[in-house]
Amino acid sequence: MAKVRVLVAKPGLDGHDRGAKVVARALRDAGFEVIYTGLRQTPEQIAEAALQEDVNVVAMSILSGAHPHLFPKVVNLIREKGMDDVLIIGGGVIPETDIPALKEAGIAEVFTPGTPTGDIVDFIKANVK
């Protein structure tokens, strides 16, 4: 089986990427191929990168509080590009009360601070088509 390709993205104006880098390293260590977009990506840039890189997973990290707007926008743009089988997950400082709406919007799972990276690896392995 081909390597699972994961795009790790930081949407919005959030300037903190330590968590995203920790997750990217853990995914790489688990045998995934990881593409990291860097900071301050627009939803359009993330969706385009997902298409260009032919990824299986888009993992977004956000700490700025803009997740209710940015996460669903990325999901919609990715689906509009015909990438219906891409697994989209999110993480960061996200209130528990916001998680159901994000899942309804198409985010497969939301990982909050303190989640062991192994849980993220296991979720991806179990859910990538």
Foldseek 3Di string as FASTA:
>chain_A
DDAAEEEEEEEAQDPDCPVSVVLQVLLVVVPHHYHYPDYHDHLLRQLVCCVVVVHQEYEYEYAPPCCVPRLLSNVVSNVVVVPPQRAYAYEEDDDPVCFVSSVVSPHVYYYYPPPPSVVVNVVCVVRRD
